[in-house]
C-alpha atoms as a PDB file:
ATOM      1  CA  UNK A   1     -20.697 -21.166  -4.609  1.00  0.00           C
ATOM      2  CA  UNK A   2     -22.642 -19.657  -7.961  1.00  0.00           C
ATOM      3  CA  UNK A   3     -20.237 -19.052 -10.021  1.00  0.00           C
ATOM      4  CA  UNK A   4     -19.309 -19.686 -14.023  1.00  0.00           C
ATOM      5  CA  UNK A   5     -16.173 -22.056 -12.748  1.00  0.00           C
ATOM      6  CA  UNK A   6     -19.170 -23.999 -10.917  1.00  0.00           C
ATOM      7  CA  UNK A   7     -21.075 -24.579 -13.747  1.00  0.00           C
ATOM      8  CA  UNK A   8     -19.911 -28.225 -15.259  1.00  0.00           C
ATOM      9  CA  UNK A   9     -19.708 -28.751 -18.610  1.00  0.00           C
ATOM     10  CA  UNK A  10     -23.186 -30.862 -19.381  1.00  0.00           C
ATOM     11  CA  UNK A  11     -25.078 -28.014 -17.572  1.00  0.00           C
ATOM     12  CA  UNK A  12     -25.286 -28.637 -13.935  1.00  0.00           C
ATOM     13  CA  UNK A  13     -24.312 -25.918 -10.972  1.00  0.00           C
ATOM     14  CA  UNK A  14     -22.116 -27.573  -8.888  1.00  0.00           C
ATOM     15  CA  UNK A  15     -23.058 -25.294  -6.099  1.00  0.00           C
ATOM     16  CA  UNK A  16     -25.537 -27.472  -5.421  1.00  0.00           C
ATOM     17  CA  UNK A  17     -23.644 -30.616  -4.891  1.00  0.00           C
ATOM     18  CA  UNK A  18     -23.550 -32.630  -1.530  1.00  0.00           C
ATOM     19  CA  UNK A  19     -19.979 -32.675  -1.995  1.00  0.00           C
ATOM     20  CA  UNK A  20     -19.523 -28.879  -2.948  1.00  0.00           C
ATOM     21  CA  UNK A  21     -21.545 -28.079   0.816  1.00  0.00           C
ATOM     22  CA  UNK A  22     -18.919 -30.272   2.847  1.00  0.00           C
ATOM     23  CA  UNK A  23     -17.716 -28.634   5.594  1.00  0.00           C
ATOM     24  CA  UNK A  24     -14.077 -29.888   4.910  1.00  0.00           C
ATOM     25  CA  UNK A  25     -12.259 -29.702   1.815  1.00  0.00           C
ATOM     26  CA  UNK A  26     -15.371 -29.167  -0.526  1.00  0.00           C
ATOM     27  CA  UNK A  27     -15.319 -30.597  -3.816  1.00  0.00           C
ATOM     28  CA  UNK A  28     -14.554 -27.340  -6.177  1.00  0.00           C
ATOM     29  CA  UNK A  29     -16.297 -28.540  -9.179  1.00  0.00           C
ATOM     30  CA  UNK A  30     -16.222 -30.561 -12.440  1.00  0.00           C
ATOM     31  CA  UNK A  31     -13.729 -28.062 -13.741  1.00  0.00           C
ATOM     32  CA  UNK A  32     -11.210 -28.216 -10.980  1.00  0.00           C
ATOM     33  CA  UNK A  33      -8.368 -30.371 -10.613  1.00  0.00           C
ATOM     34  CA  UNK A  34      -8.209 -31.572  -7.693  1.00  0.00           C
ATOM     35  CA  UNK A  35      -8.660 -34.551  -5.153  1.00  0.00           C
ATOM     36  CA  UNK A  36     -11.641 -33.277  -3.493  1.00  0.00           C
ATOM     37  CA  UNK A  37     -13.959 -34.874  -5.750  1.00  0.00           C
ATOM     38  CA  UNK A  38     -16.207 -37.280  -5.259  1.00  0.00           C
ATOM     39  CA  UNK A  39     -15.847 -40.852  -6.463  1.00  0.00           C
ATOM     40  CA  UNK A  40     -18.651 -40.442  -9.688  1.00  0.00           C
ATOM     41  CA  UNK A  41     -17.244 -37.553 -10.832  1.00  0.00           C
ATOM     42  CA  UNK A  42     -13.107 -38.111 -10.643  1.00  0.00           C
ATOM     43  CA  UNK A  43     -13.478 -41.586 -11.862  1.00  0.00           C
ATOM     44  CA  UNK A  44     -17.068 -42.473 -12.990  1.00  0.00           C
ATOM     45  CA  UNK A  45     -18.035 -39.565 -14.983  1.00  0.00           C
ATOM     46  CA  UNK A  46     -17.755 -39.780 -18.668  1.00  0.00           C
ATOM     47  CA  UNK A  47     -18.477 -36.322 -19.796  1.00  0.00           C
ATOM     48  CA  UNK A  48     -15.367 -34.620 -18.199  1.00  0.00           C
ATOM     49  CA  UNK A  49     -13.114 -36.971 -19.962  1.00  0.00           C
ATOM     50  CA  UNK A  50     -14.920 -37.203 -23.544  1.00  0.00           C
ATOM     51  CA  UNK A  51     -13.286 -37.216 -25.821  1.00  0.00           C
ATOM     52  CA  UNK A  52     -15.103 -34.958 -28.330  1.00  0.00           C
ATOM     53  CA  UNK A  53     -15.398 -32.404 -26.007  1.00  0.00           C
ATOM     54  CA  UNK A  54     -11.729 -32.117 -24.807  1.00  0.00           C
ATOM     55  CA  UNK A  55     -10.280 -33.009 -28.576  1.00  0.00           C
ATOM     56  CA  UNK A  56     -12.836 -30.052 -29.702  1.00  0.00           C
ATOM     57  CA  UNK A  57     -12.203 -27.790 -26.953  1.00  0.00           C
ATOM     58  CA  UNK A  58     -16.117 -27.350 -26.302  1.00  0.00           C
ATOM     59  CA  UNK A  59     -16.611 -25.717 -22.642  1.00  0.00           C
ATOM     60  CA  UNK A  60     -20.340 -27.214 -22.310  1.00  0.00           C
ATOM     61  CA  UNK A  61     -21.779 -30.455 -23.778  1.00  0.00           C
ATOM     62  CA  UNK A  62     -24.301 -28.562 -26.016  1.00  0.00           C
ATOM     63  CA  UNK A  63     -21.608 -27.203 -28.179  1.00  0.00           C
ATOM     64  CA  UNK A  64     -21.291 -31.223 -29.513  1.00  0.00           C
ATOM     65  CA  UNK A  65     -23.254 -32.053 -32.674  1.00  0.00           C
ATOM     66  CA  UNK A  66     -23.924 -35.284 -31.018  1.00  0.00           C
ATOM     67  CA  UNK A  67     -25.626 -33.527 -28.426  1.00  0.00           C
ATOM     68  CA  UNK A  68     -27.505 -34.779 -26.443  1.00  0.00           C
ATOM     69  CA  UNK A  69     -25.723 -37.838 -26.216  1.00  0.00           C
ATOM     70  CA  UNK A  70     -26.392 -40.839 -23.847  1.00  0.00           C
ATOM     71  CA  UNK A  71     -23.744 -39.571 -21.079  1.00  0.00           C
ATOM     72  CA  UNK A  72     -25.995 -36.101 -21.041  1.00  0.00           C
ATOM     73  CA  UNK A  73     -29.400 -38.067 -21.354  1.00  0.00           C
ATOM     74  CA  UNK A  74     -28.195 -40.443 -18.515  1.00  0.00           C
ATOM     75  CA  UNK A  75     -27.446 -37.041 -16.240  1.00  0.00           C
ATOM     76  CA  UNK A  76     -30.593 -34.898 -17.238  1.00  0.00           C
ATOM     77  CA  UNK A  77     -33.002 -37.660 -16.404  1.00  0.00           C
ATOM     78  CA  UNK A  78     -31.375 -38.693 -13.261  1.00  0.00           C
ATOM     79  CA  UNK A  79     -31.379 -34.694 -11.682  1.00  0.00           C
ATOM     80  CA  UNK A  80     -35.087 -34.013 -12.606  1.00  0.00           C
ATOM     81  CA  UNK A  81     -36.207 -37.513 -11.495  1.00  0.00           C
ATOM     82  CA  UNK A  82     -33.997 -39.358  -8.536  1.00  0.00           C
ATOM     83  CA  UNK A  83     -33.831 -36.314  -5.810  1.00  0.00           C
ATOM     84  CA  UNK A  84     -35.822 -34.304  -3.910  1.00  0.00           C
ATOM     85  CA  UNK A  85     -35.247 -31.171  -5.873  1.00  0.00           C
ATOM     86  CA  UNK A  86     -34.723 -31.174  -9.473  1.00  0.00           C
ATOM     87  CA  UNK A  87     -32.417 -29.161 -11.674  1.00  0.00           C
ATOM     88  CA  UNK A  88     -32.183 -29.858 -15.479  1.00  0.00           C
ATOM     89  CA  UNK A  89     -29.067 -30.107 -16.934  1.00  0.00           C
ATOM     90  CA  UNK A  90     -30.165 -29.101 -20.196  1.00  0.00           C
ATOM     91  CA  UNK A  91     -32.554 -26.711 -19.695  1.00  0.00           C
ATOM     92  CA  UNK A  92     -29.595 -25.140 -17.464  1.00  0.00           C
ATOM     93  CA  UNK A  93     -27.562 -24.811 -20.805  1.00  0.00           C
ATOM     94  CA  UNK A  94     -30.451 -23.746 -22.958  1.00  0.00           C
ATOM     95  CA  UNK A  95     -31.073 -20.758 -20.325  1.00  0.00           C
ATOM     96  CA  UNK A  96     -26.708 -20.323 -19.914  1.00  0.00           C
ATOM     97  CA  UNK A  97     -27.645 -19.457 -24.194  1.00  0.00           C
ATOM     98  CA  UNK A  98     -30.480 -17.935 -24.121  1.00  0.00           C
ATOM     99  CA  UNK A  99     -29.754 -15.480 -20.945  1.00  0.00           C
ATOM    100  CA  UNK A 100     -26.350 -15.472 -21.007  1.00  0.00           C
ATOM    101  CA  UNK A 101     -23.854 -16.897 -18.172  1.00  0.00           C
ATOM    102  CA  UNK A 102     -24.492 -13.659 -15.305  1.00  0.00           C
ATOM    103  CA  UNK A 103     -28.293 -13.951 -15.800  1.00  0.00           C
ATOM    104  CA  UNK A 104     -27.651 -18.017 -15.444  1.00  0.00           C
ATOM    105  CA  UNK A 105     -26.113 -16.919 -12.052  1.00  0.00           C
ATOM    106  CA  UNK A 106     -28.463 -14.635 -10.718  1.00  0.00           C
ATOM    107  CA  UNK A 107     -31.339 -17.147 -11.520  1.00  0.00           C
ATOM    108  CA  UNK A 108     -29.597 -19.744 -10.181  1.00  0.00           C
ATOM    109  CA  UNK A 109     -28.689 -18.026  -6.915  1.00  0.00           C
ATOM    110  CA  UNK A 110     -32.382 -16.887  -6.037  1.00  0.00           C
ATOM    111  CA  UNK A 111     -33.858 -20.046  -7.143  1.00  0.00           C
ATOM    112  CA  UNK A 112     -30.994 -21.917  -4.946  1.00  0.00           C
ATOM    113  CA  UNK A 113     -30.402 -19.497  -2.221  1.00  0.00           C
ATOM    114  CA  UNK A 114     -32.741 -20.715   1.826  1.00  0.00           C
ATOM    115  CA  UNK A 115     -35.250 -18.598   2.158  1.00  0.00           C
ATOM    116  CA  UNK A 116     -34.224 -18.863   5.669  1.00  0.00           C
ATOM    117  CA  UNK A 117     -30.561 -17.955   5.938  1.00  0.00           C
ATOM    118  CA  UNK A 118     -29.408 -17.397   2.321  1.00  0.00           C
ATOM    119  CA  UNK A 119     -27.170 -20.463   2.222  1.00  0.00           C
ATOM    120  CA  UNK A 120     -27.331 -22.599  -0.678  1.00  0.00           C
ATOM    121  CA  UNK A 121     -29.686 -25.500  -0.815  1.00  0.00           C
ATOM    122  CA  UNK A 122     -28.330 -29.004  -1.692  1.00  0.00           C
ATOM    123  CA  UNK A 123     -30.044 -30.562  -4.854  1.00  0.00           C
ATOM    124  CA  UNK A 124     -29.232 -34.207  -3.557  1.00  0.00           C
ATOM    125  CA  UNK A 125     -30.919 -33.840   0.056  1.00  0.00           C
ATOM    126  CA  UNK A 126     -32.800 -30.151   0.220  1.00  0.00           C
ATOM    127  CA  UNK A 127     -31.035 -29.016   3.106  1.00  0.00           C
ATOM    128  CA  UNK A 128     -29.510 -26.021   3.064  1.00  0.00           C
ATOM    129  CA  UNK A 129     -25.760 -25.826   3.582  1.00  0.00           C
ATOM    130  CA  UNK A 130     -25.789 -23.362   6.453  1.00  0.00           C
ATOM    131  CA  UNK A 131     -28.729 -23.686   8.254  1.00  0.00           C
ATOM    132  CA  UNK A 132     -30.169 -27.059   8.054  1.00  0.00           C
ATOM    133  CA  UNK A 133     -33.674 -25.944   6.657  1.00  0.00           C
ATOM    134  CA  UNK A 134     -35.629 -28.711   4.410  1.00  0.00           C
ATOM    135  CA  UNK A 135     -36.848 -27.304   1.488  1.00  0.00           C
ATOM    136  CA  UNK A 136     -39.522 -28.776  -0.332  1.00  0.00           C
ATOM    137  CA  UNK A 137     -40.412 -28.423  -4.255  1.00  0.00           C
ATOM    138  CA  UNK A 138     -42.298 -25.692  -5.352  1.00  0.00           C
ATOM    139  CA  UNK A 139     -46.189 -26.924  -5.460  1.00  0.00           C
ATOM    140  CA  UNK A 140     -45.512 -29.882  -3.031  1.00  0.00           C
ATOM    141  CA  UNK A 141     -47.099 -29.925   0.570  1.00  0.00           C
ATOM    142  CA  UNK A 142     -44.983 -30.084   4.021  1.00  0.00           C
END
């Protein structure tokens, strides 16, 4: 968890995904070439197979002159509005550029580790993978 390999080209931290938290055959992230990926990532995501990204060897979407594209904006909107906890792929990419990968990963560890047990928290359901503690967004009552 919280490794450079788990940072998707769009800036999402795959360590936060419910499929990476699976007990059996956890997803190893967008950068992995395996069959453990969920259907969305394996079949529907347009960012991993993006022709411009692949052809030009862009590791991250913000290297592309067309950034942010429609697919990137969809991802940003979904992850900042649709789930109990928020993650901004575009802010993640800015943080990686401004702070460097190691500082960004440390920031992710602090932000997304359970205060009860230290396990990783899932962005999709706000639950700690290890102890099941339900996390609430900063400033929310609960």
